[in-house]
Amino acid sequence: MKAVLSTSVTDEEALEAFKRLSRLEGIIPMLETSYALAYLEKLCPTLPNGTKFVVNCSGRGDKDVQTAN
């Protein structure tokens, strides 16, 4: 697997990931987790088929709902 040296995710991309997970899975992530989710949307197309990963959606994202709207 090749190493990723640097990358970035915009606030807008993180908010879209927040909304997408909330809408599709009914899971309200913390905003911090949303940055990881947005990064995965960029990373996954570069990974070999069958690659697995785990994202820990810890915390209570319901406290961030007003910020995300």
PDB file of N, CA and C in Angstrom:
ATOM      1  N   MET A   1       0.857  -1.173   0.000  1.00  0.00           N
ATOM      2  CA  MET A   1       0.000   0.000   0.000  1.00  0.00           C
ATOM      3  C   MET A   1       0.897   1.227   0.000  1.00  0.00           C
ATOM      4  N   LYS A   2       0.564   2.222  -0.807  1.00  0.00           N
ATOM      5  CA  LYS A   2       1.372   3.424  -0.843  1.00  0.00           C
ATOM      6  C   LYS A   2       0.975   4.362   0.297  1.00  0.00           C
ATOM      7  N   ALA A   3       1.916   5.106   0.790  1.00  0.00           N
ATOM      8  CA  ALA A   3       1.672   6.028   1.902  1.00  0.00           C
ATOM      9  C   ALA A   3       1.085   7.335   1.377  1.00  0.00           C
ATOM     10  N   VAL A   4       0.165   7.897   2.129  1.00  0.00           N
ATOM     11  CA  VAL A   4      -0.398   9.202   1.809  1.00  0.00           C
ATOM     12  C   VAL A   4       0.370  10.226   2.624  1.00  0.00           C
ATOM     13  N   LEU A   5       1.042  11.143   1.950  1.00  0.00           N
ATOM     14  CA  LEU A   5       1.886  12.101   2.651  1.00  0.00           C
ATOM     15  C   LEU A   5       1.101  13.274   3.211  1.00  0.00           C
ATOM     16  N   SER A   6       0.206  13.804   2.437  1.00  0.00           N
ATOM     17  CA  SER A   6      -0.624  14.884   2.970  1.00  0.00           C
ATOM     18  C   SER A   6      -1.909  14.968   2.158  1.00  0.00           C
ATOM     19  N   THR A   7      -2.921  15.447   2.793  1.00  0.00           N
ATOM     20  CA  THR A   7      -4.205  15.615   2.122  1.00  0.00           C
ATOM     21  C   THR A   7      -5.002  16.639   2.912  1.00  0.00           C
ATOM     22  N   SER A   8      -6.095  17.068   2.350  1.00  0.00           N
ATOM     23  CA  SER A   8      -6.946  17.999   3.083  1.00  0.00           C
ATOM     24  C   SER A   8      -8.396  17.749   2.716  1.00  0.00           C
ATOM     25  N   VAL A   9      -9.250  18.157   3.620  1.00  0.00           N
ATOM     26  CA  VAL A   9     -10.696  18.065   3.430  1.00  0.00           C
ATOM     27  C   VAL A   9     -11.254  19.414   3.837  1.00  0.00           C
ATOM     28  N   THR A  10     -12.118  19.951   3.010  1.00  0.00           N
ATOM     29  CA  THR A  10     -12.698  21.255   3.331  1.00  0.00           C
ATOM     30  C   THR A  10     -13.836  21.104   4.334  1.00  0.00           C
ATOM     31  N   ASP A  11     -14.183  22.205   4.969  1.00  0.00           N
ATOM     32  CA  ASP A  11     -15.323  22.207   5.880  1.00  0.00           C
ATOM     33  C   ASP A  11     -16.601  21.798   5.142  1.00  0.00           C
ATOM     34  N   GLU A  12     -16.739  22.272   3.918  1.00  0.00           N
ATOM     35  CA  GLU A  12     -17.928  21.941   3.121  1.00  0.00           C
ATOM     36  C   GLU A  12     -18.007  20.441   2.848  1.00  0.00           C
ATOM     37  N   GLU A  13     -16.874  19.815   2.523  1.00  0.00           N
ATOM     38  CA  GLU A  13     -16.855  18.373   2.280  1.00  0.00           C
ATOM     39  C   GLU A  13     -17.217  17.603   3.547  1.00  0.00           C
ATOM     40  N   ALA A  14     -16.713  18.055   4.696  1.00  0.00           N
ATOM     41  CA  ALA A  14     -17.033  17.400   5.966  1.00  0.00           C
ATOM     42  C   ALA A  14     -18.517  17.530   6.289  1.00  0.00           C
ATOM     43  N   LEU A  15     -19.098  18.699   6.049  1.00  0.00           N
ATOM     44  CA  LEU A  15     -20.534  18.886   6.310  1.00  0.00           C
ATOM     45  C   LEU A  15     -21.376  18.012   5.398  1.00  0.00           C
ATOM     46  N   GLU A  16     -20.955  17.865   4.148  1.00  0.00           N
ATOM     47  CA  GLU A  16     -21.686  16.985   3.227  1.00  0.00           C
ATOM     48  C   GLU A  16     -21.602  15.536   3.695  1.00  0.00           C
ATOM     49  N   ALA A  17     -20.444  15.113   4.186  1.00  0.00           N
ATOM     50  CA  ALA A  17     -20.300  13.752   4.713  1.00  0.00           C
ATOM     51  C   ALA A  17     -21.177  13.556   5.945  1.00  0.00           C
ATOM     52  N   PHE A  18     -21.241  14.569   6.809  1.00  0.00           N
ATOM     53  CA  PHE A  18     -22.106  14.557   8.001  1.00  0.00           C
ATOM     54  C   PHE A  18     -23.555  14.327   7.581  1.00  0.00           C
ATOM     55  N   LYS A  19     -24.015  15.100   6.608  1.00  0.00           N
ATOM     56  CA  LYS A  19     -25.403  15.004   6.158  1.00  0.00           C
ATOM     57  C   LYS A  19     -25.682  13.662   5.478  1.00  0.00           C
ATOM     58  N   ARG A  20     -24.710  13.202   4.678  1.00  0.00           N
ATOM     59  CA  ARG A  20     -24.894  11.945   3.948  1.00  0.00           C
ATOM     60  C   ARG A  20     -25.026  10.758   4.901  1.00  0.00           C
ATOM     61  N   LEU A  21     -24.136  10.657   5.892  1.00  0.00           N
ATOM     62  CA  LEU A  21     -24.225   9.548   6.846  1.00  0.00           C
ATOM     63  C   LEU A  21     -25.523   9.629   7.646  1.00  0.00           C
ATOM     64  N   SER A  22     -25.907  10.829   8.028  1.00  0.00           N
ATOM     65  CA  SER A  22     -27.155  11.010   8.783  1.00  0.00           C
ATOM     66  C   SER A  22     -28.360  10.567   7.965  1.00  0.00           C
ATOM     67  N   ARG A  23     -28.373  10.956   6.705  1.00  0.00           N
ATOM     68  CA  ARG A  23     -29.512  10.640   5.832  1.00  0.00           C
ATOM     69  C   ARG A  23     -29.547   9.159   5.454  1.00  0.00           C
ATOM     70  N   LEU A  24     -28.397   8.595   5.075  1.00  0.00           N
ATOM     71  CA  LEU A  24     -28.369   7.233   4.564  1.00  0.00           C
ATOM     72  C   LEU A  24     -28.400   6.158   5.641  1.00  0.00           C
ATOM     73  N   GLU A  25     -27.769   6.420   6.780  1.00  0.00           N
ATOM     74  CA  GLU A  25     -27.636   5.391   7.813  1.00  0.00           C
ATOM     75  C   GLU A  25     -28.356   5.722   9.117  1.00  0.00           C
ATOM     76  N   GLY A  26     -28.826   6.955   9.259  1.00  0.00           N
ATOM     77  CA  GLY A  26     -29.475   7.348  10.502  1.00  0.00           C
ATOM     78  C   GLY A  26     -28.496   7.535  11.648  1.00  0.00           C
ATOM     79  N   ILE A  27     -27.207   7.646  11.323  1.00  0.00           N
ATOM     80  CA  ILE A  27     -26.158   7.863  12.321  1.00  0.00           C
ATOM     81  C   ILE A  27     -25.743   9.320  12.249  1.00  0.00           C
ATOM     82  N   ILE A  28     -25.811  10.020  13.372  1.00  0.00           N
ATOM     83  CA  ILE A  28     -25.416  11.427  13.406  1.00  0.00           C
ATOM     84  C   ILE A  28     -23.989  11.488  13.970  1.00  0.00           C
ATOM     85  N   PRO A  29     -22.987  11.676  13.086  1.00  0.00           N
ATOM     86  CA  PRO A  29     -21.606  11.678  13.559  1.00  0.00           C
ATOM     87  C   PRO A  29     -21.217  13.032  14.155  1.00  0.00           C
ATOM     88  N   MET A  30     -20.182  13.028  14.966  1.00  0.00           N
ATOM     89  CA  MET A  30     -19.605  14.294  15.410  1.00  0.00           C
ATOM     90  C   MET A  30     -18.956  14.946  14.190  1.00  0.00           C
ATOM     91  N   LEU A  31     -18.807  16.256  14.219  1.00  0.00           N
ATOM     92  CA  LEU A  31     -18.181  16.928  13.084  1.00  0.00           C
ATOM     93  C   LEU A  31     -16.754  16.432  12.859  1.00  0.00           C
ATOM     94  N   GLU A  32     -16.039  16.126  13.930  1.00  0.00           N
ATOM     95  CA  GLU A  32     -14.672  15.623  13.788  1.00  0.00           C
ATOM     96  C   GLU A  32     -14.652  14.330  12.977  1.00  0.00           C
ATOM     97  N   THR A  33     -15.603  13.447  13.228  1.00  0.00           N
ATOM     98  CA  THR A  33     -15.698  12.200  12.481  1.00  0.00           C
ATOM     99  C   THR A  33     -16.032  12.466  11.024  1.00  0.00           C
ATOM    100  N   SER A  34     -16.777  13.521  10.766  1.00  0.00           N
ATOM    101  CA  SER A  34     -17.183  13.858   9.408  1.00  0.00           C
ATOM    102  C   SER A  34     -15.988  14.183   8.516  1.00  0.00           C
ATOM    103  N   TYR A  35     -14.934  14.717   9.099  1.00  0.00           N
ATOM    104  CA  TYR A  35     -13.726  14.982   8.322  1.00  0.00           C
ATOM    105  C   TYR A  35     -13.097  13.666   7.869  1.00  0.00           C
ATOM    106  N   ALA A  36     -13.089  12.674   8.737  1.00  0.00           N
ATOM    107  CA  ALA A  36     -12.560  11.352   8.366  1.00  0.00           C
ATOM    108  C   ALA A  36     -13.425  10.721   7.279  1.00  0.00           C
ATOM    109  N   LEU A  37     -14.727  10.843   7.399  1.00  0.00           N
ATOM    110  CA  LEU A  37     -15.631  10.288   6.394  1.00  0.00           C
ATOM    111  C   LEU A  37     -15.418  10.957   5.039  1.00  0.00           C
ATOM    112  N   ALA A  38     -15.256  12.271   5.042  1.00  0.00           N
ATOM    113  CA  ALA A  38     -15.018  12.998   3.797  1.00  0.00           C
ATOM    114  C   ALA A  38     -13.683  12.572   3.173  1.00  0.00           C
ATOM    115  N   TYR A  39     -12.677  12.358   4.000  1.00  0.00           N
ATOM    116  CA  TYR A  39     -11.383  11.896   3.492  1.00  0.00           C
ATOM    117  C   TYR A  39     -11.515  10.509   2.868  1.00  0.00           C
ATOM    118  N   LEU A  40     -12.294   9.648   3.493  1.00  0.00           N
ATOM    119  CA  LEU A  40     -12.476   8.302   2.944  1.00  0.00           C
ATOM    120  C   LEU A  40     -13.101   8.336   1.552  1.00  0.00           C
ATOM    121  N   GLU A  41     -13.940   9.310   1.307  1.00  0.00           N
ATOM    122  CA  GLU A  41     -14.541   9.426  -0.021  1.00  0.00           C
ATOM    123  C   GLU A  41     -13.483   9.717  -1.079  1.00  0.00           C
ATOM    124  N   LYS A  42     -12.394  10.367  -0.678  1.00  0.00           N
ATOM    125  CA  LYS A  42     -11.280  10.616  -1.595  1.00  0.00           C
ATOM    126  C   LYS A  42     -10.342   9.409  -1.654  1.00  0.00           C
ATOM    127  N   LEU A  43     -10.137   8.763  -0.511  1.00  0.00           N
ATOM    128  CA  LEU A  43      -9.176   7.678  -0.411  1.00  0.00           C
ATOM    129  C   LEU A  43      -9.660   6.383  -1.058  1.00  0.00           C
ATOM    130  N   CYS A  44     -10.912   6.020  -0.827  1.00  0.00           N
ATOM    131  CA  CYS A  44     -11.418   4.707  -1.256  1.00  0.00           C
ATOM    132  C   CYS A  44     -11.220   4.411  -2.742  1.00  0.00           C
ATOM    133  N   PRO A  45     -11.438   5.367  -3.636  1.00  0.00           N
ATOM    134  CA  PRO A  45     -11.225   5.041  -5.058  1.00  0.00           C
ATOM    135  C   PRO A  45      -9.771   4.697  -5.394  1.00  0.00           C
ATOM    136  N   THR A  46      -8.834   5.026  -4.533  1.00  0.00           N
ATOM    137  CA  THR A  46      -7.422   4.744  -4.800  1.00  0.00           C
ATOM    138  C   THR A  46      -6.962   3.417  -4.210  1.00  0.00           C
ATOM    139  N   LEU A  47      -7.814   2.764  -3.424  1.00  0.00           N
ATOM    140  CA  LEU A  47      -7.434   1.529  -2.738  1.00  0.00           C
ATOM    141  C   LEU A  47      -7.749   0.303  -3.593  1.00  0.00           C
ATOM    142  N   PRO A  48      -6.986  -0.768  -3.405  1.00  0.00           N
ATOM    143  CA  PRO A  48      -7.289  -2.011  -4.131  1.00  0.00           C
ATOM    144  C   PRO A  48      -8.663  -2.554  -3.722  1.00  0.00           C
ATOM    145  N   ASN A  49      -9.308  -3.246  -4.643  1.00  0.00           N
ATOM    146  CA  ASN A  49     -10.602  -3.877  -4.337  1.00  0.00           C
ATOM    147  C   ASN A  49     -10.447  -4.799  -3.142  1.00  0.00           C
ATOM    148  N   GLY A  50     -11.441  -4.802  -2.276  1.00  0.00           N
ATOM    149  CA  GLY A  50     -11.431  -5.670  -1.114  1.00  0.00           C
ATOM    150  C   GLY A  50     -10.763  -5.068   0.107  1.00  0.00           C
ATOM    151  N   THR A  51     -10.198  -3.876  -0.031  1.00  0.00           N
ATOM    152  CA  THR A  51      -9.576  -3.226   1.124  1.00  0.00           C
ATOM    153  C   THR A  51     -10.646  -2.890   2.154  1.00  0.00           C
ATOM    154  N   LYS A  52     -10.358  -3.169   3.403  1.00  0.00           N
ATOM    155  CA  LYS A  52     -11.305  -2.885   4.485  1.00  0.00           C
ATOM    156  C   LYS A  52     -10.717  -1.820   5.397  1.00  0.00           C
ATOM    157  N   PHE A  53     -11.590  -1.061   6.039  1.00  0.00           N
ATOM    158  CA  PHE A  53     -11.171  -0.047   6.999  1.00  0.00           C
ATOM    159  C   PHE A  53     -12.267   0.120   8.035  1.00  0.00           C
ATOM    160  N   VAL A  54     -11.916   0.720   9.147  1.00  0.00           N
ATOM    161  CA  VAL A  54     -12.855   0.936  10.246  1.00  0.00           C
ATOM    162  C   VAL A  54     -12.854   2.417  10.586  1.00  0.00           C
ATOM    163  N   VAL A  55     -14.035   2.982  10.762  1.00  0.00           N
ATOM    164  CA  VAL A  55     -14.171   4.356  11.223  1.00  0.00           C
ATOM    165  C   VAL A  55     -14.941   4.312  12.537  1.00  0.00           C
ATOM    166  N   ASN A  56     -14.373   4.889  13.556  1.00  0.00           N
ATOM    167  CA  ASN A  56     -15.021   4.943  14.862  1.00  0.00           C
ATOM    168  C   ASN A  56     -15.864   6.215  14.941  1.00  0.00           C
ATOM    169  N   CYS A  57     -17.163   6.060  14.983  1.00  0.00           N
ATOM    170  CA  CYS A  57     -18.073   7.207  15.088  1.00  0.00           C
ATOM    171  C   CYS A  57     -18.396   7.443  16.565  1.00  0.00           C
ATOM    172  N   SER A  58     -17.387   7.821  17.309  1.00  0.00           N
ATOM    173  CA  SER A  58     -17.581   8.031  18.738  1.00  0.00           C
ATOM    174  C   SER A  58     -18.199   9.401  18.996  1.00  0.00           C
ATOM    175  N   GLY A  59     -18.739   9.560  20.162  1.00  0.00           N
ATOM    176  CA  GLY A  59     -19.319  10.841  20.542  1.00  0.00           C
ATOM    177  C   GLY A  59     -20.762  10.979  20.121  1.00  0.00           C
ATOM    178  N   ARG A  60     -21.308  12.152  20.404  1.00  0.00           N
ATOM    179  CA  ARG A  60     -22.710  12.414  20.100  1.00  0.00           C
ATOM    180  C   ARG A  60     -22.824  13.543  19.100  1.00  0.00           C
ATOM    181  N   GLY A  61     -23.125  13.196  17.872  1.00  0.00           N
ATOM    182  CA  GLY A  61     -23.240  14.173  16.816  1.00  0.00           C
ATOM    183  C   GLY A  61     -24.508  15.010  16.907  1.00  0.00           C
ATOM    184  N   ASP A  62     -25.476  14.579  17.709  1.00  0.00           N
ATOM    185  CA  ASP A  62     -26.704  15.367  17.823  1.00  0.00           C
ATOM    186  C   ASP A  62     -26.405  16.771  18.357  1.00  0.00           C
ATOM    187  N   LYS A  63     -25.294  16.926  19.057  1.00  0.00           N
ATOM    188  CA  LYS A  63     -24.913  18.250  19.552  1.00  0.00           C
ATOM    189  C   LYS A  63     -24.431  19.150  18.423  1.00  0.00           C
ATOM    190  N   ASP A  64     -24.059  18.572  17.276  1.00  0.00           N
ATOM    191  CA  ASP A  64     -23.538  19.326  16.135  1.00  0.00           C
ATOM    192  C   ASP A  64     -24.586  19.597  15.060  1.00  0.00           C
ATOM    193  N   VAL A  65     -25.794  19.120  15.229  1.00  0.00           N
ATOM    194  CA  VAL A  65     -26.819  19.243  14.207  1.00  0.00           C
ATOM    195  C   VAL A  65     -27.072  20.704  13.841  1.00  0.00           C
ATOM    196  N   GLN A  66     -27.145  21.589  14.808  1.00  0.00           N
ATOM    197  CA  GLN A  66     -27.415  22.992  14.504  1.00  0.00           C
ATOM    198  C   GLN A  66     -26.293  23.611  13.683  1.00  0.00           C
ATOM    199  N   THR A  67     -25.070  23.198  13.914  1.00  0.00           N
ATOM    200  CA  THR A  67     -23.931  23.699  13.152  1.00  0.00           C
ATOM    201  C   THR A  67     -23.978  23.205  11.712  1.00  0.00           C
ATOM    202  N   ALA A  68     -24.441  22.000  11.528  1.00  0.00           N
ATOM    203  CA  ALA A  68     -24.456  21.380  10.200  1.00  0.00           C
ATOM    204  C   ALA A  68     -25.579  21.878   9.313  1.00  0.00           C
ATOM    205  N   ASN A  69     -26.580  22.488   9.862  1.00  0.00           N
ATOM    206  CA  ASN A  69     -27.716  22.954   9.034  1.00  0.00           C
ATOM    207  C   ASN A  69     -27.432  24.258   8.373  1.00  0.00           C
TER     208      ASN A  69
END
